[in-house]
Amino acid sequence: DQAHVSDAQVMVEYENGNFNFTFPNPKNVSEFSMTLFKGREKKEICALHLNNERVIPKSNVTYCQTQSSSSSTTFILKDLERKHIDVYTYCLEIFLPPPYIECCLKETYLYVQDKEDCFSFGLMSKWIIISLIIFAISCVCCVVACCLRNKNQKYESNSHEYNSEYMPMAAVNAAKKPRI
């Protein structure tokens, strides 16, 4: 049996505020290591070494944990902040059976939005909504005021019709209808 390194996709999931990077374990291999690097300079942040069903996790940072099953390995990144935005690279080393194989499986760019950004955006959107509501109420009030003003002017012009400049005489009541 030859060691087989599949070109399987790394599955990236966001769950409960954590990023989970899961990839399948190599087939027909008795000893291998999987390492997660951060940045272009490839700073090792955590690793997992499997040797005859014994799992040895290693982490150089507090925000990375490893998890392993018989079919896959998962790196769990917790409590990430804006400073953790970077390129993450997953590398696999196969020790047994020979020959020794080292390869980098995948690079993933990880963007983390700060909680403060979410809060300020939420606060900003509240103010935008409040401003739009106030603007709409102001527009309605202006329309109502204009309509009332026009109606009032129309009423006033009708009441002064008899005393207009076209009829310089005093206002006279309409003639009474004769009774029969």
C-alpha atoms as a PDB file:
ATOM      1  CA  ASP A   1       0.000   0.000   0.000  1.00  0.00           C
ATOM      2  CA  GLN A   2       1.335   3.373  -1.038  1.00  0.00           C
ATOM      3  CA  ALA A   3       0.735   6.514   0.977  1.00  0.00           C
ATOM      4  CA  HIS A   4      -1.925   8.582  -0.679  1.00  0.00           C
ATOM      5  CA  VAL A   5      -2.214  12.345  -0.321  1.00  0.00           C
ATOM      6  CA  SER A   6      -5.571  13.378  -1.665  1.00  0.00           C
ATOM      7  CA  ASP A   7      -6.092  16.826  -3.082  1.00  0.00           C
ATOM      8  CA  ALA A   8      -9.279  17.156  -1.052  1.00  0.00           C
ATOM      9  CA  GLN A   9     -10.659  20.536  -0.226  1.00  0.00           C
ATOM     10  CA  VAL A  10     -10.246  21.950   3.231  1.00  0.00           C
ATOM     11  CA  MET A  11     -13.689  22.581   4.666  1.00  0.00           C
ATOM     12  CA  VAL A  12     -13.972  25.947   6.418  1.00  0.00           C
ATOM     13  CA  GLU A  13     -16.902  26.463   8.781  1.00  0.00           C
ATOM     14  CA  TYR A  14     -17.870  29.327  11.054  1.00  0.00           C
ATOM     15  CA  GLU A  15     -19.671  27.980  14.101  1.00  0.00           C
ATOM     16  CA  ASN A  16     -20.390  29.626  17.488  1.00  0.00           C
ATOM     17  CA  GLY A  17     -17.823  32.362  16.865  1.00  0.00           C
ATOM     18  CA  ASN A  18     -15.097  29.843  15.937  1.00  0.00           C
ATOM     19  CA  PHE A  19     -13.502  29.039  12.594  1.00  0.00           C
ATOM     20  CA  ASN A  20     -13.133  25.288  11.987  1.00  0.00           C
ATOM     21  CA  PHE A  21     -10.712  24.125   9.281  1.00  0.00           C
ATOM     22  CA  THR A  22     -11.302  20.431   8.610  1.00  0.00           C
ATOM     23  CA  PHE A  23      -9.416  18.293   6.113  1.00  0.00           C
ATOM     24  CA  PRO A  24      -9.329  14.551   5.453  1.00  0.00           C
ATOM     25  CA  ASN A  25      -6.491  12.461   6.859  1.00  0.00           C
ATOM     26  CA  PRO A  26      -4.151  10.829   4.306  1.00  0.00           C
ATOM     27  CA  LYS A  27      -5.015   7.213   3.423  1.00  0.00           C
ATOM     28  CA  ASN A  28      -2.780   4.227   4.274  1.00  0.00           C
ATOM     29  CA  VAL A  29      -0.511   6.268   6.549  1.00  0.00           C
ATOM     30  CA  SER A  30       0.538   5.252  10.057  1.00  0.00           C
ATOM     31  CA  GLU A  31       2.363   8.441  11.084  1.00  0.00           C
ATOM     32  CA  PHE A  32       1.837  12.005   9.916  1.00  0.00           C
ATOM     33  CA  SER A  33       1.757  15.600  11.121  1.00  0.00           C
ATOM     34  CA  MET A  34      -0.536  18.400  10.097  1.00  0.00           C
ATOM     35  CA  THR A  35       0.605  21.968  10.803  1.00  0.00           C
ATOM     36  CA  LEU A  36      -1.202  25.292  10.539  1.00  0.00           C
ATOM     37  CA  PHE A  37       0.948  28.303   9.657  1.00  0.00           C
ATOM     38  CA  LYS A  38      -0.009  31.976   9.761  1.00  0.00           C
ATOM     39  CA  GLY A  39       1.192  34.720   7.422  1.00  0.00           C
ATOM     40  CA  ARG A  40       3.546  34.824   4.460  1.00  0.00           C
ATOM     41  CA  GLU A  41       6.460  34.156   6.808  1.00  0.00           C
ATOM     42  CA  LYS A  42       4.689  30.904   7.806  1.00  0.00           C
ATOM     43  CA  LYS A  43       4.759  31.229  11.590  1.00  0.00           C
ATOM     44  CA  GLU A  44       3.635  27.910  13.101  1.00  0.00           C
ATOM     45  CA  ILE A  45       0.606  28.425  15.321  1.00  0.00           C
ATOM     46  CA  CYS A  46      -0.525  24.843  15.968  1.00  0.00           C
ATOM     47  CA  ALA A  47       0.070  21.270  14.854  1.00  0.00           C
ATOM     48  CA  LEU A  48      -1.200  17.753  15.301  1.00  0.00           C
ATOM     49  CA  HIS A  49       1.014  14.637  15.146  1.00  0.00           C
ATOM     50  CA  LEU A  50      -0.574  11.195  14.737  1.00  0.00           C
ATOM     51  CA  ASN A  51       1.529   8.132  15.510  1.00  0.00           C
ATOM     52  CA  ASN A  52      -0.081   4.666  15.676  1.00  0.00           C
ATOM     53  CA  GLU A  53      -3.450   6.065  16.793  1.00  0.00           C
ATOM     54  CA  ARG A  54      -1.752   8.303  19.384  1.00  0.00           C
ATOM     55  CA  VAL A  55      -2.567  11.977  18.916  1.00  0.00           C
ATOM     56  CA  ILE A  56      -0.088  14.633  20.050  1.00  0.00           C
ATOM     57  CA  PRO A  57      -1.488  18.181  19.771  1.00  0.00           C
ATOM     58  CA  LYS A  58       0.798  21.207  19.865  1.00  0.00           C
ATOM     59  CA  SER A  59      -0.205  24.874  20.017  1.00  0.00           C
ATOM     60  CA  ASN A  60       1.986  27.980  20.120  1.00  0.00           C
ATOM     61  CA  VAL A  61      -0.955  30.347  20.608  1.00  0.00           C
ATOM     62  CA  THR A  62      -4.001  30.443  22.860  1.00  0.00           C
ATOM     63  CA  TYR A  63      -6.574  30.822  20.084  1.00  0.00           C
ATOM     64  CA  CYS A  64      -5.816  27.566  18.207  1.00  0.00           C
ATOM     65  CA  GLN A  65      -6.920  24.071  19.220  1.00  0.00           C
ATOM     66  CA  THR A  66      -6.737  20.783  17.353  1.00  0.00           C
ATOM     67  CA  GLN A  67      -9.202  17.938  17.078  1.00  0.00           C
ATOM     68  CA  SER A  68      -8.746  14.605  15.365  1.00  0.00           C
ATOM     69  CA  SER A  69     -10.883  11.672  14.306  1.00  0.00           C
ATOM     70  CA  SER A  70     -10.053   8.550  12.325  1.00  0.00           C
ATOM     71  CA  SER A  71     -10.997  10.268   9.070  1.00  0.00           C
ATOM     72  CA  SER A  72     -10.187  13.967   9.543  1.00  0.00           C
ATOM     73  CA  THR A  73      -8.180  16.601  11.387  1.00  0.00           C
ATOM     74  CA  THR A  74      -9.624  19.944  12.486  1.00  0.00           C
ATOM     75  CA  PHE A  75      -7.972  23.180  13.566  1.00  0.00           C
ATOM     76  CA  ILE A  76     -10.307  25.325  15.663  1.00  0.00           C
ATOM     77  CA  LEU A  77      -9.528  29.051  15.853  1.00  0.00           C
ATOM     78  CA  LYS A  78     -11.329  30.731  18.780  1.00  0.00           C
ATOM     79  CA  ASP A  79     -11.891  34.317  19.944  1.00  0.00           C
ATOM     80  CA  LEU A  80     -10.355  35.869  16.848  1.00  0.00           C
ATOM     81  CA  GLU A  81      -9.840  39.610  16.526  1.00  0.00           C
ATOM     82  CA  ARG A  82      -8.879  41.954  13.705  1.00  0.00           C
ATOM     83  CA  LYS A  83      -5.159  41.287  14.361  1.00  0.00           C
ATOM     84  CA  HIS A  84      -5.706  37.649  13.282  1.00  0.00           C
ATOM     85  CA  ILE A  85      -6.539  38.621   9.684  1.00  0.00           C
ATOM     86  CA  ASP A  86      -3.960  36.851   7.532  1.00  0.00           C
ATOM     87  CA  VAL A  87      -3.235  33.967   5.188  1.00  0.00           C
ATOM     88  CA  TYR A  88      -3.308  30.544   6.857  1.00  0.00           C
ATOM     89  CA  THR A  89      -1.459  27.600   5.282  1.00  0.00           C
ATOM     90  CA  TYR A  90      -1.994  23.901   6.058  1.00  0.00           C
ATOM     91  CA  CYS A  91       0.976  21.615   5.580  1.00  0.00           C
ATOM     92  CA  LEU A  92       1.114  17.841   5.775  1.00  0.00           C
ATOM     93  CA  GLU A  93       4.192  15.706   6.583  1.00  0.00           C
ATOM     94  CA  ILE A  94       3.994  11.944   6.082  1.00  0.00           C
ATOM     95  CA  PHE A  95       6.616   9.970   8.033  1.00  0.00           C
ATOM     96  CA  LEU A  96       5.487   6.326   7.726  1.00  0.00           C
ATOM     97  CA  PRO A  97       5.458   4.502   5.400  1.00  0.00           C
ATOM     98  CA  PRO A  98       8.507   5.791   3.569  1.00  0.00           C
ATOM     99  CA  PRO A  99       9.276   7.849   1.576  1.00  0.00           C
ATOM    100  CA  TYR A 100       8.961  11.015   3.630  1.00  0.00           C
ATOM    101  CA  ILE A 101       6.492  13.421   1.977  1.00  0.00           C
ATOM    102  CA  GLU A 102       5.999  17.090   2.799  1.00  0.00           C
ATOM    103  CA  CYS A 103       3.440  19.237   1.072  1.00  0.00           C
ATOM    104  CA  CYS A 104       1.344  22.316   1.668  1.00  0.00           C
ATOM    105  CA  LEU A 105      -2.268  21.470   1.005  1.00  0.00           C
ATOM    106  CA  LYS A 106      -4.059  24.773   0.998  1.00  0.00           C
ATOM    107  CA  GLU A 107      -3.823  28.488   1.713  1.00  0.00           C
ATOM    108  CA  THR A 108      -6.851  30.321   3.084  1.00  0.00           C
ATOM    109  CA  TYR A 109      -7.234  34.036   3.664  1.00  0.00           C
ATOM    110  CA  LEU A 110      -9.135  34.679   6.861  1.00  0.00           C
ATOM    111  CA  TYR A 111     -10.887  38.010   7.466  1.00  0.00           C
ATOM    112  CA  VAL A 112     -12.191  38.765  10.945  1.00  0.00           C
ATOM    113  CA  GLN A 113     -14.561  41.650  11.613  1.00  0.00           C
ATOM    114  CA  ASP A 114     -14.108  43.276  15.008  1.00  0.00           C
ATOM    115  CA  LYS A 115     -16.998  43.157  17.427  1.00  0.00           C
ATOM    116  CA  GLU A 116     -16.630  46.933  17.787  1.00  0.00           C
ATOM    117  CA  ASP A 117     -17.205  47.309  14.036  1.00  0.00           C
ATOM    118  CA  CYS A 118     -20.432  45.331  14.331  1.00  0.00           C
ATOM    119  CA  PHE A 119     -21.554  47.492  17.252  1.00  0.00           C
ATOM    120  CA  SER A 120     -20.730  50.771  15.560  1.00  0.00           C
ATOM    121  CA  PHE A 121     -22.436  49.633  12.352  1.00  0.00           C
ATOM    122  CA  GLY A 122     -25.525  48.618  14.350  1.00  0.00           C
ATOM    123  CA  LEU A 123     -25.520  51.941  16.169  1.00  0.00           C
ATOM    124  CA  MET A 124     -25.015  53.827  12.915  1.00  0.00           C
ATOM    125  CA  SER A 125     -27.877  51.956  11.234  1.00  0.00           C
ATOM    126  CA  LYS A 126     -30.169  52.795  14.175  1.00  0.00           C
ATOM    127  CA  TRP A 127     -29.398  56.490  13.760  1.00  0.00           C
ATOM    128  CA  ILE A 128     -29.986  56.283  10.019  1.00  0.00           C
ATOM    129  CA  ILE A 129     -33.389  54.680  10.589  1.00  0.00           C
ATOM    130  CA  ILE A 130     -34.321  57.239  13.271  1.00  0.00           C
ATOM    131  CA  SER A 131     -33.258  60.097  10.966  1.00  0.00           C
ATOM    132  CA  LEU A 132     -35.343  58.713   8.095  1.00  0.00           C
ATOM    133  CA  ILE A 133     -38.393  58.402  10.349  1.00  0.00           C
ATOM    134  CA  ILE A 134     -37.992  61.995  11.586  1.00  0.00           C
ATOM    135  CA  PHE A 135     -37.571  63.193   7.988  1.00  0.00           C
ATOM    136  CA  ALA A 136     -40.731  61.331   6.898  1.00  0.00           C
ATOM    137  CA  ILE A 137     -42.745  62.784   9.804  1.00  0.00           C
ATOM    138  CA  SER A 138     -41.466  66.277   8.943  1.00  0.00           C
ATOM    139  CA  CYS A 139     -42.505  65.834   5.286  1.00  0.00           C
ATOM    140  CA  VAL A 140     -46.004  64.705   6.307  1.00  0.00           C
ATOM    141  CA  CYS A 141     -46.351  67.693   8.681  1.00  0.00           C
ATOM    142  CA  CYS A 142     -45.269  70.102   5.913  1.00  0.00           C
ATOM    143  CA  VAL A 143     -47.783  68.625   3.446  1.00  0.00           C
ATOM    144  CA  VAL A 144     -50.609  68.852   5.997  1.00  0.00           C
ATOM    145  CA  ALA A 145     -49.656  72.449   6.882  1.00  0.00           C
ATOM    146  CA  CYS A 146     -49.606  73.452   3.193  1.00  0.00           C
ATOM    147  CA  CYS A 147     -53.002  71.862   2.561  1.00  0.00           C
ATOM    148  CA  LEU A 148     -54.537  73.616   5.587  1.00  0.00           C
ATOM    149  CA  ARG A 149     -53.001  76.940   4.530  1.00  0.00           C
ATOM    150  CA  ASN A 150     -54.361  76.615   0.985  1.00  0.00           C
ATOM    151  CA  LYS A 151     -57.803  75.670   2.303  1.00  0.00           C
ATOM    152  CA  ASN A 152     -57.761  78.636   4.712  1.00  0.00           C
ATOM    153  CA  GLN A 153     -56.733  81.059   1.931  1.00  0.00           C
ATOM    154  CA  LYS A 154     -59.503  79.739  -0.290  1.00  0.00           C
ATOM    155  CA  TYR A 155     -62.050  80.255   2.490  1.00  0.00           C
ATOM    156  CA  GLU A 156     -60.792  83.808   3.161  1.00  0.00           C
ATOM    157  CA  SER A 157     -60.927  84.745  -0.538  1.00  0.00           C
ATOM    158  CA  ASN A 158     -64.537  83.471  -0.778  1.00  0.00           C
ATOM    159  CA  SER A 159     -65.660  85.529   2.236  1.00  0.00           C
ATOM    160  CA  HIS A 160     -64.274  88.799   0.795  1.00  0.00           C
ATOM    161  CA  GLU A 161     -65.687  88.255  -2.667  1.00  0.00           C
ATOM    162  CA  TYR A 162     -68.360  90.900  -2.274  1.00  0.00           C
ATOM    163  CA  ASN A 163     -65.837  93.524  -1.134  1.00  0.00           C
ATOM    164  CA  SER A 164     -63.415  92.964  -3.980  1.00  0.00           C
ATOM    165  CA  GLU A 165     -61.955  95.787  -6.065  1.00  0.00           C
ATOM    166  CA  TYR A 166     -64.357  94.927  -8.879  1.00  0.00           C
ATOM    167  CA  MET A 167     -67.356  95.890  -6.716  1.00  0.00           C
ATOM    168  CA  PRO A 168     -66.594  99.135  -4.918  1.00  0.00           C
ATOM    169  CA  MET A 169     -70.069  99.298  -3.349  1.00  0.00           C
ATOM    170  CA  ALA A 170     -70.903  98.029   0.101  1.00  0.00           C
ATOM    171  CA  ALA A 171     -71.853  94.421   0.482  1.00  0.00           C
ATOM    172  CA  VAL A 172     -75.565  93.827   0.025  1.00  0.00           C
ATOM    173  CA  ASN A 173     -77.537  90.833   1.084  1.00  0.00           C
ATOM    174  CA  ALA A 174     -79.214  88.966  -1.698  1.00  0.00           C
ATOM    175  CA  ALA A 175     -82.754  90.040  -2.451  1.00  0.00           C
ATOM    176  CA  LYS A 176     -85.472  88.155  -0.648  1.00  0.00           C
ATOM    177  CA  LYS A 177     -87.642  85.920  -2.731  1.00  0.00           C
ATOM    178  CA  PRO A 178     -91.246  86.932  -2.798  1.00  0.00           C
ATOM    179  CA  ARG A 179     -93.642  84.700  -0.970  1.00  0.00           C
ATOM    180  CA  ILE A 180     -96.650  83.437  -2.705  1.00  0.00           C
END
